[in-house]
C-alpha atoms as a PDB file:
ATOM      1  CA  MET A   1       6.428 -30.798-126.242  1.00  0.00           C
ATOM      2  CA  LYS A   2       6.240 -34.349-127.066  1.00  0.00           C
ATOM      3  CA  ARG A   3       5.408 -35.143-123.350  1.00  0.00           C
ATOM      4  CA  ILE A   4       2.610 -32.711-123.459  1.00  0.00           C
ATOM      5  CA  ALA A   5       1.102 -34.553-126.781  1.00  0.00           C
ATOM      6  CA  VAL A   6       1.672 -37.957-125.484  1.00  0.00           C
ATOM      7  CA  VAL A   7      -0.444 -36.865-122.324  1.00  0.00           C
ATOM      8  CA  LEU A   8      -2.960 -35.306-124.383  1.00  0.00           C
ATOM      9  CA  ALA A   9      -3.283 -38.388-126.469  1.00  0.00           C
ATOM     10  CA  ALA A  10      -3.786 -40.785-123.087  1.00  0.00           C
ATOM     11  CA  ILE A  11      -6.353 -38.421-121.820  1.00  0.00           C
ATOM     12  CA  THR A  12      -8.181 -38.657-125.157  1.00  0.00           C
ATOM     13  CA  TRP A  13      -7.734 -42.271-125.380  1.00  0.00           C
ATOM     14  CA  LEU A  14      -9.180 -42.623-121.685  1.00  0.00           C
ATOM     15  CA  ALA A  15     -11.908 -40.514-122.688  1.00  0.00           C
ATOM     16  CA  SER A  16     -12.829 -42.825-125.219  1.00  0.00           C
ATOM     17  CA  ALA A  17     -12.558 -45.872-123.688  1.00  0.00           C
ATOM     18  CA  THR A  18     -14.858 -44.607-120.859  1.00  0.00           C
ATOM     19  CA  GLY A  19     -17.174 -43.172-123.027  1.00  0.00           C
ATOM     20  CA  GLY A  20     -16.513 -39.742-121.884  1.00  0.00           C
ATOM     21  CA  ARG A  21     -16.444 -40.361-118.265  1.00  0.00           C
ATOM     22  CA  ILE A  22     -12.840 -40.083-116.808  1.00  0.00           C
ATOM     23  CA  PRO A  23     -12.417 -41.802-113.447  1.00  0.00           C
ATOM     24  CA  VAL A  24     -11.082 -39.834-110.603  1.00  0.00           C
ATOM     25  CA  VAL A  25      -8.394 -40.836-108.801  1.00  0.00           C
ATOM     26  CA  GLY A  26      -7.773 -40.478-105.453  1.00  0.00           C
ATOM     27  CA  VAL A  27      -4.861 -38.751-103.843  1.00  0.00           C
ATOM     28  CA  VAL A  28      -2.344 -40.610-101.745  1.00  0.00           C
ATOM     29  CA  HIS A  29       0.075 -38.535 -99.352  1.00  0.00           C
ATOM     30  CA  ALA A  30       3.263 -39.909 -98.975  1.00  0.00           C
ATOM     31  CA  GLN A  31       4.692 -40.813 -95.648  1.00  0.00           C
ATOM     32  CA  GLU A  32       5.821 -37.550 -93.654  1.00  0.00           C
ATOM     33  CA  GLY A  33       8.612 -39.257 -91.774  1.00  0.00           C
ATOM     34  CA  HIS A  34       9.191 -39.252 -87.933  1.00  0.00           C
ATOM     35  CA  PRO A  35       5.990 -37.881 -86.094  1.00  0.00           C
ATOM     36  CA  LEU A  36       8.215 -35.466 -84.061  1.00  0.00           C
ATOM     37  CA  THR A  37       9.947 -33.810 -87.260  1.00  0.00           C
ATOM     38  CA  GLY A  38       9.425 -30.453 -88.015  1.00  0.00           C
ATOM     39  CA  THR A  39       8.693 -26.915 -86.503  1.00  0.00           C
ATOM     40  CA  TRP A  40       6.816 -26.703 -83.039  1.00  0.00           C
ATOM     41  CA  ALA A  41       5.304 -23.164 -81.456  1.00  0.00           C
ATOM     42  CA  GLY A  42       3.358 -22.701 -78.349  1.00  0.00           C
ATOM     43  CA  ASP A  43       4.319 -21.735 -74.724  1.00  0.00           C
ATOM     44  CA  TRP A  44       5.109 -23.115 -71.266  1.00  0.00           C
ATOM     45  CA  GLY A  45       4.028 -21.529 -68.006  1.00  0.00           C
ATOM     46  CA  SER A  46       1.730 -21.971 -65.032  1.00  0.00           C
ATOM     47  CA  GLY A  47      -1.751 -19.614 -65.075  1.00  0.00           C
ATOM     48  CA  ALA A  48      -1.609 -16.480 -66.819  1.00  0.00           C
ATOM     49  CA  GLU A  49       2.384 -16.403 -66.838  1.00  0.00           C
ATOM     50  CA  ARG A  50       2.916 -17.983 -69.944  1.00  0.00           C
ATOM     51  CA  THR A  51       6.414 -17.479 -72.275  1.00  0.00           C
ATOM     52  CA  HIS A  52       6.338 -18.589 -75.959  1.00  0.00           C
ATOM     53  CA  ILE A  53       8.644 -21.393 -77.147  1.00  0.00           C
ATOM     54  CA  THR A  54       9.649 -22.906 -80.466  1.00  0.00           C
ATOM     55  CA  LEU A  55      11.086 -26.399 -80.831  1.00  0.00           C
ATOM     56  CA  VAL A  56      12.857 -27.530 -83.838  1.00  0.00           C
ATOM     57  CA  VAL A  57      13.205 -31.453 -84.316  1.00  0.00           C
ATOM     58  CA  ASN A  58      15.098 -33.069 -86.883  1.00  0.00           C
ATOM     59  CA  TRP A  59      15.245 -36.975 -87.682  1.00  0.00           C
ATOM     60  CA  ASP A  60      18.365 -38.427 -89.323  1.00  0.00           C
ATOM     61  CA  GLY A  61      16.964 -42.121 -90.247  1.00  0.00           C
ATOM     62  CA  LYS A  62      18.710 -42.651 -86.869  1.00  0.00           C
ATOM     63  CA  MET A  63      18.624 -40.262 -84.210  1.00  0.00           C
ATOM     64  CA  LEU A  64      16.221 -37.253 -83.197  1.00  0.00           C
ATOM     65  CA  THR A  65      18.084 -33.670 -82.334  1.00  0.00           C
ATOM     66  CA  GLY A  66      16.884 -30.567 -81.968  1.00  0.00           C
ATOM     67  CA  ILE A  67      17.104 -26.916 -80.966  1.00  0.00           C
ATOM     68  CA  LEU A  68      14.652 -25.132 -78.297  1.00  0.00           C
ATOM     69  CA  ASN A  69      14.279 -21.226 -78.909  1.00  0.00           C
ATOM     70  CA  PRO A  70      16.250 -21.030 -82.506  1.00  0.00           C
ATOM     71  CA  GLY A  71      18.249 -17.981 -82.515  1.00  0.00           C
ATOM     72  CA  PRO A  72      20.714 -16.271 -80.900  1.00  0.00           C
ATOM     73  CA  ASP A  73      19.518 -18.026 -77.038  1.00  0.00           C
ATOM     74  CA  GLN A  74      18.877 -20.939 -78.550  1.00  0.00           C
ATOM     75  CA  ALA A  75      19.542 -24.231 -76.949  1.00  0.00           C
ATOM     76  CA  PRO A  76      20.365 -27.746 -78.103  1.00  0.00           C
ATOM     77  CA  LEU A  77      18.192 -30.735 -76.665  1.00  0.00           C
ATOM     78  CA  SER A  78      20.454 -32.670 -75.035  1.00  0.00           C
ATOM     79  CA  ALA A  79      18.147 -35.412 -75.154  1.00  0.00           C
ATOM     80  CA  VAL A  80      15.138 -36.004 -77.281  1.00  0.00           C
ATOM     81  CA  SER A  81      12.390 -39.354 -77.262  1.00  0.00           C
ATOM     82  CA  LEU A  82       9.677 -40.441 -78.308  1.00  0.00           C
ATOM     83  CA  ASP A  83       7.694 -43.822 -76.854  1.00  0.00           C
ATOM     84  CA  PRO A  84       5.076 -45.089 -80.191  1.00  0.00           C
ATOM     85  CA  ALA A  85       3.515 -46.934 -77.978  1.00  0.00           C
ATOM     86  CA  ALA A  86       2.111 -44.295 -75.742  1.00  0.00           C
ATOM     87  CA  TRP A  87       2.528 -41.793 -77.851  1.00  0.00           C
ATOM     88  CA  THR A  88       4.439 -39.725 -75.198  1.00  0.00           C
ATOM     89  CA  ALA A  89       7.588 -37.591 -76.115  1.00  0.00           C
ATOM     90  CA  ARG A  90      10.255 -36.210 -73.639  1.00  0.00           C
ATOM     91  CA  PHE A  91      13.217 -34.012 -74.357  1.00  0.00           C
ATOM     92  CA  GLU A  92      15.834 -31.905 -72.751  1.00  0.00           C
ATOM     93  CA  ALA A  93      17.954 -28.684 -72.613  1.00  0.00           C
ATOM     94  CA  ASP A  94      20.073 -26.443 -70.686  1.00  0.00           C
ATOM     95  CA  VAL A  95      18.989 -22.766 -71.302  1.00  0.00           C
ATOM     96  CA  LYS A  96      20.167 -19.338 -69.706  1.00  0.00           C
ATOM     97  CA  ASP A  97      17.306 -17.837 -67.644  1.00  0.00           C
ATOM     98  CA  SER A  98      16.375 -13.998 -67.291  1.00  0.00           C
ATOM     99  CA  SER A  99      19.323 -13.645 -64.886  1.00  0.00           C
ATOM    100  CA  GLY A 100      21.802 -15.380 -67.468  1.00  0.00           C
ATOM    101  CA  ARG A 101      22.149 -18.434 -65.360  1.00  0.00           C
ATOM    102  CA  SER A 102      21.992 -21.898 -66.192  1.00  0.00           C
ATOM    103  CA  ALA A 103      18.573 -23.785 -66.141  1.00  0.00           C
ATOM    104  CA  HIS A 104      18.016 -27.325 -66.845  1.00  0.00           C
ATOM    105  CA  VAL A 105      14.824 -27.921 -68.695  1.00  0.00           C
ATOM    106  CA  THR A 106      12.642 -30.898 -68.783  1.00  0.00           C
ATOM    107  CA  ALA A 107       9.798 -31.473 -70.603  1.00  0.00           C
ATOM    108  CA  GLU A 108       7.106 -34.699 -70.931  1.00  0.00           C
ATOM    109  CA  GLY A 109       4.139 -34.538 -73.187  1.00  0.00           C
ATOM    110  CA  LYS A 110       1.601 -36.406 -74.897  1.00  0.00           C
ATOM    111  CA  LEU A 111       1.226 -35.988 -78.931  1.00  0.00           C
ATOM    112  CA  GLU A 112      -2.845 -35.758 -79.883  1.00  0.00           C
ATOM    113  CA  ASP A 113      -3.981 -35.139 -83.082  1.00  0.00           C
ATOM    114  CA  ILE A 114      -1.237 -37.501 -84.569  1.00  0.00           C
ATOM    115  CA  ALA A 115      -2.685 -37.739 -87.778  1.00  0.00           C
ATOM    116  CA  SER A 116      -2.948 -34.115 -88.474  1.00  0.00           C
ATOM    117  CA  TYR A 117       0.058 -32.290 -89.527  1.00  0.00           C
ATOM    118  CA  HIS A 118      -0.701 -29.762 -86.866  1.00  0.00           C
ATOM    119  CA  ARG A 119      -0.585 -32.433 -84.125  1.00  0.00           C
ATOM    120  CA  THR A 120      -0.322 -31.344 -80.793  1.00  0.00           C
ATOM    121  CA  LEU A 121       1.743 -31.806 -77.761  1.00  0.00           C
ATOM    122  CA  THR A 122       1.037 -31.037 -74.132  1.00  0.00           C
ATOM    123  CA  GLY A 123       2.263 -31.817 -70.945  1.00  0.00           C
ATOM    124  CA  SER A 124       4.274 -30.709 -68.271  1.00  0.00           C
ATOM    125  CA  TRP A 125       7.418 -28.577 -68.184  1.00  0.00           C
ATOM    126  CA  THR A 126      10.065 -28.043 -65.605  1.00  0.00           C
ATOM    127  CA  GLN A 127      13.052 -25.332 -66.039  1.00  0.00           C
ATOM    128  CA  GLY A 128      15.091 -25.205 -63.060  1.00  0.00           C
ATOM    129  CA  THR A 129      13.089 -24.926 -60.234  1.00  0.00           C
ATOM    130  CA  THR A 130      10.111 -23.974 -61.680  1.00  0.00           C
ATOM    131  CA  ARG A 131       7.161 -26.256 -62.875  1.00  0.00           C
ATOM    132  CA  GLY A 132       4.341 -25.877 -65.502  1.00  0.00           C
ATOM    133  CA  THR A 133       2.306 -26.885 -68.383  1.00  0.00           C
ATOM    134  CA  PHE A 134       3.288 -26.345 -72.248  1.00  0.00           C
ATOM    135  CA  LYS A 135       1.185 -27.076 -75.360  1.00  0.00           C
ATOM    136  CA  LEU A 136       3.034 -26.952 -78.737  1.00  0.00           C
ATOM    137  CA  THR A 137       1.407 -27.169 -82.230  1.00  0.00           C
ATOM    138  CA  ARG A 138       3.638 -28.402 -85.402  1.00  0.00           C
ATOM    139  CA  ASP A 139       3.686 -26.106 -87.876  1.00  0.00           C
END
């Protein structure tokens, strides 16, 4: 209760000191951390044949880690990197294909709209011997 009284007193003083015009202060957003951190959703494939994918990336201050398609069929990322000079990212994982065989995934793409929270990552995707493109948007 005392804190509210102090805040109200400060507002009253500010209003009287500025002739009733309280200045508007801009909002400053905190830095978000690593640009790849977060949950990304999208798809990969070629032409009209697309497969939904989800990517979760974490930054512990030293290293990027992540999971491709969290859930029962998830695959940990075996490699994930970012080239900040070109804003390109690369990640790799080993997944199971539709027949249950292991397939290596390699994806390399470019970060776009980097200033937006909902930035995108688009590029090339290779899963086993199948090649395509992908597009992910950070949720």
